[in-house]
Amino acid sequence: MSSPRFVHQDIIKVVATEQVGTVMEVRRTGDTYVYGIELRMEPPQHIEVPEADLELVKIANADETGLHIKYIT
């Protein structure tokens, strides 16, 4: 059994439409994965896309929050 190619908060591009969005959920269907994507639109639109139709733009942080924290001392 393979693991998903993308994780929660990865920034991806939908190949067919070139729209950019964020992975909000991952669901396994049979032998493949389907991703719940929140597209960067006003208002944001939620769609489901198969893994084969997605391309990675930016990897989420290791903790999958997408936040970058800097400590100033």
Protein backbone atom coordinates (compact mmCIF):
# COMPACT_ATOMS: atom_id res chain seq x y z
CA MET A 1 0.00 0.00 0.00
CA SER A 2 1.47 3.36 -1.00
CA SER A 3 1.34 6.56 1.02
CA PRO A 4 -0.18 9.81 -0.25
CA ARG A 5 2.05 12.00 -2.39
CA PHE A 6 0.86 15.24 -0.74
CA VAL A 7 0.08 16.08 2.88
CA HIS A 8 -2.18 18.51 4.72
CA GLN A 9 -1.22 22.15 3.98
CA ASP A 10 0.94 21.39 0.92
CA ILE A 11 0.42 24.03 -1.75
CA ILE A 12 -0.45 22.41 -5.07
CA LYS A 13 -1.53 23.28 -8.60
CA VAL A 14 -4.43 21.60 -10.41
CA VAL A 15 -2.80 20.58 -13.72
CA ALA A 16 -5.87 20.98 -15.96
CA THR A 17 -6.85 24.47 -14.78
CA GLU A 18 -3.51 25.78 -13.42
CA GLN A 19 -5.36 26.91 -10.26
CA VAL A 20 -3.35 26.98 -7.03
CA GLY A 21 -4.71 25.71 -3.73
CA THR A 22 -3.94 24.11 -0.39
CA VAL A 23 -4.47 20.46 0.56
CA MET A 24 -7.09 20.41 3.31
CA GLU A 25 -7.86 16.66 3.42
CA VAL A 26 -6.65 13.36 1.98
CA ARG A 27 -8.93 10.38 1.35
CA ARG A 28 -8.07 6.95 -0.02
CA THR A 29 -10.39 5.53 -2.69
CA GLY A 30 -9.39 2.06 -3.83
CA ASP A 31 -5.78 2.19 -5.01
CA THR A 32 -5.55 5.99 -5.32
CA TYR A 33 -5.94 9.12 -3.20
CA VAL A 34 -8.40 11.97 -3.60
CA TYR A 35 -7.50 15.36 -2.14
CA GLY A 36 -9.80 18.02 -0.77
CA ILE A 37 -8.31 21.24 -2.11
CA GLU A 38 -9.14 24.79 -1.07
CA LEU A 39 -8.53 26.94 -4.14
CA ARG A 40 -7.14 30.44 -3.71
CA MET A 41 -10.15 32.39 -4.90
CA GLU A 42 -12.51 34.95 -3.43
CA PRO A 43 -14.39 33.35 -1.77
CA PRO A 44 -12.22 30.21 -1.39
CA GLN A 45 -13.63 27.21 -3.26
CA HIS A 46 -13.34 23.61 -2.04
CA ILE A 47 -12.94 20.88 -4.68
CA GLU A 48 -11.89 17.22 -4.72
CA VAL A 49 -9.15 16.20 -7.14
CA PRO A 50 -7.44 12.84 -7.83
CA GLU A 51 -3.72 12.66 -7.07
CA ALA A 52 -2.75 12.24 -10.74
CA ASP A 53 -4.23 15.67 -11.55
CA LEU A 54 -2.09 17.58 -9.02
CA GLU A 55 1.39 19.05 -9.05
CA LEU A 56 3.38 20.21 -6.00
CA VAL A 57 4.14 23.93 -5.69
CA LYS A 58 5.40 24.14 -2.08
CA ILE A 59 5.86 21.58 0.69
CA ALA A 60 4.22 22.28 4.06
CA ASN A 61 6.36 22.57 7.19
CA ALA A 62 7.24 19.33 8.96
CA ASP A 63 4.49 19.98 11.51
CA GLU A 64 2.02 20.55 8.63
CA THR A 65 0.84 23.92 9.92
CA GLY A 66 2.23 25.97 7.07
CA LEU A 67 3.43 28.51 9.63
CA HIS A 68 6.95 29.87 9.81
CA ILE A 69 7.98 30.90 13.32
CA LYS A 70 11.12 32.87 14.08
CA TYR A 71 12.32 33.48 17.62
CA ILE A 72 13.96 36.80 18.33
CA THR A 73 16.26 36.86 21.34
